[in-house]
Amino acid sequence: MASVDECRQALQELAARLNGHAGAQERIDLDRTLACRITDLDTAFHGRLEGGRLVDLVDGDDPQAKIALNTTSDDLVALVHGQLDLAKALAARRVSIKANPFDLMKLRKLL
């Protein structure tokens, strides 16, 4: 099981990667709050997606988040490091994403 610090680091790596790619790709019109809930650690992080960037990432849950990702600590770290395919993880129910269908299509372009 990955630690809370390892999960925080993985999300910061993801944010850095998205922020680095945001200028190179076409602007993604997606301005939504995001919560990442780590089920096996009973912890969460939240932030905001703005134009293809992940910003304002902090500890704690946001129950009102428009996009919610639920997964285990190990699966989160594996996803960020490219060791776990998101589509396969979703199909196997190792990861769940709650968002409206239009937001899911836009998210797909980011990932």
Protein backbone atom coordinates (compact mmCIF):
# COMPACT_ATOMS: atom_id res chain seq x y z
CA MET A 1 0.00 0.00 0.00
CA ALA A 2 1.34 3.40 -0.99
CA SER A 3 1.48 6.11 1.67
CA VAL A 4 -0.42 9.40 1.73
CA ASP A 5 2.84 11.18 0.85
CA GLU A 6 3.40 8.90 -2.16
CA CYS A 7 -0.15 9.62 -3.36
CA ARG A 8 0.38 13.37 -2.89
CA GLN A 9 3.65 13.15 -4.82
CA ALA A 10 1.99 11.18 -7.63
CA LEU A 11 -0.75 13.80 -7.97
CA GLN A 12 1.84 16.58 -8.00
CA GLU A 13 3.69 14.72 -10.77
CA LEU A 14 0.43 14.44 -12.71
CA ALA A 15 -0.24 18.16 -12.23
CA ALA A 16 3.29 19.01 -13.46
CA ARG A 17 2.83 16.77 -16.51
CA LEU A 18 -0.56 18.29 -17.36
CA ASN A 19 0.76 21.81 -16.83
CA GLY A 20 3.70 21.08 -19.11
CA HIS A 21 1.47 19.75 -21.88
CA ALA A 22 -1.23 22.39 -21.58
CA GLY A 23 0.62 24.99 -23.64
CA ALA A 24 1.49 22.55 -26.43
CA GLN A 25 -1.98 21.15 -27.01
CA GLU A 26 -5.15 22.88 -28.03
CA ARG A 27 -6.84 24.54 -25.11
CA ILE A 28 -9.25 22.18 -23.37
CA ASP A 29 -12.37 24.05 -22.29
CA LEU A 30 -12.74 22.32 -18.95
CA ASP A 31 -13.04 24.31 -15.73
CA ARG A 32 -14.17 21.92 -13.02
CA THR A 33 -13.44 21.03 -9.43
CA LEU A 34 -11.79 17.65 -8.98
CA ALA A 35 -11.63 15.30 -6.01
CA CYS A 36 -9.37 12.27 -5.81
CA ARG A 37 -10.47 9.87 -3.09
CA ILE A 38 -8.01 7.20 -1.95
CA THR A 39 -10.21 4.42 -0.65
CA ASP A 40 -7.67 2.26 1.20
CA LEU A 41 -6.13 5.21 3.06
CA ASP A 42 -9.43 6.93 3.82
CA THR A 43 -8.00 10.20 2.54
CA ALA A 44 -8.60 12.56 -0.35
CA PHE A 45 -7.12 15.42 -2.32
CA HIS A 46 -8.87 18.09 -4.33
CA GLY A 47 -8.04 20.76 -6.84
CA ARG A 48 -9.29 22.32 -10.01
CA LEU A 49 -8.91 21.56 -13.71
CA GLU A 50 -8.51 24.77 -15.69
CA GLY A 51 -7.78 24.74 -19.41
CA GLY A 52 -5.93 21.43 -19.33
CA ARG A 53 -4.04 22.25 -16.14
CA LEU A 54 -4.44 20.80 -12.63
CA VAL A 55 -4.15 23.66 -10.14
CA ASP A 56 -4.74 24.38 -6.45
CA LEU A 57 -4.11 20.76 -5.43
CA VAL A 58 -4.49 20.37 -1.64
CA ASP A 59 -5.24 17.69 0.93
CA GLY A 60 -8.86 17.00 1.85
CA ASP A 61 -12.07 16.07 0.10
CA ASP A 62 -14.43 18.29 -1.82
CA PRO A 63 -17.87 16.67 -1.60
CA GLN A 64 -19.18 19.18 -4.18
CA ALA A 65 -16.50 18.38 -6.78
CA LYS A 66 -17.85 18.07 -10.31
CA ILE A 67 -15.36 15.30 -11.12
CA ALA A 68 -14.54 12.57 -8.60
CA LEU A 69 -11.90 9.89 -9.01
CA ASN A 70 -11.99 6.95 -6.59
CA THR A 71 -9.17 4.43 -6.41
CA THR A 72 -6.67 2.75 -4.11
CA SER A 73 -3.30 4.23 -3.29
CA ASP A 74 -1.34 1.63 -5.27
CA ASP A 75 -3.57 2.03 -8.33
CA LEU A 76 -3.24 5.83 -8.23
CA VAL A 77 0.55 5.62 -8.17
CA ALA A 78 0.52 2.98 -10.94
CA LEU A 79 -1.78 5.12 -13.11
CA VAL A 80 0.38 8.22 -12.78
CA HIS A 81 3.57 6.29 -13.49
CA GLY A 82 2.07 4.63 -16.59
CA GLN A 83 2.07 1.12 -15.11
CA LEU A 84 -1.73 0.82 -15.19
CA ASP A 85 -3.89 1.63 -18.21
CA LEU A 86 -6.83 3.85 -17.28
CA ALA A 87 -9.30 2.15 -19.63
CA LYS A 88 -8.41 -1.30 -18.26
CA ALA A 89 -8.56 0.00 -14.68
CA LEU A 90 -12.02 1.46 -15.32
CA ALA A 91 -13.23 -1.78 -16.92
CA ALA A 92 -11.91 -3.81 -13.99
CA ARG A 93 -13.50 -1.35 -11.54
CA ARG A 94 -10.16 -0.59 -9.95
CA VAL A 95 -10.84 3.08 -10.69
CA SER A 96 -14.12 4.92 -10.88
CA ILE A 97 -14.68 8.39 -12.26
CA LYS A 98 -17.89 10.25 -11.57
CA ALA A 99 -18.50 13.10 -13.98
CA ASN A 100 -21.01 14.11 -16.58
CA PRO A 101 -20.50 12.45 -19.99
CA PHE A 102 -19.31 15.65 -21.69
CA ASP A 103 -16.64 16.17 -19.04
CA LEU A 104 -15.52 12.57 -19.45
CA MET A 105 -14.96 13.13 -23.18
CA LYS A 106 -12.88 16.22 -22.44
CA LEU A 107 -10.92 14.36 -19.75
CA ARG A 108 -10.05 11.69 -22.27
CA LYS A 109 -8.24 14.31 -24.34
CA LEU A 110 -6.11 15.28 -21.33
CA LEU A 111 -5.09 11.76 -20.45
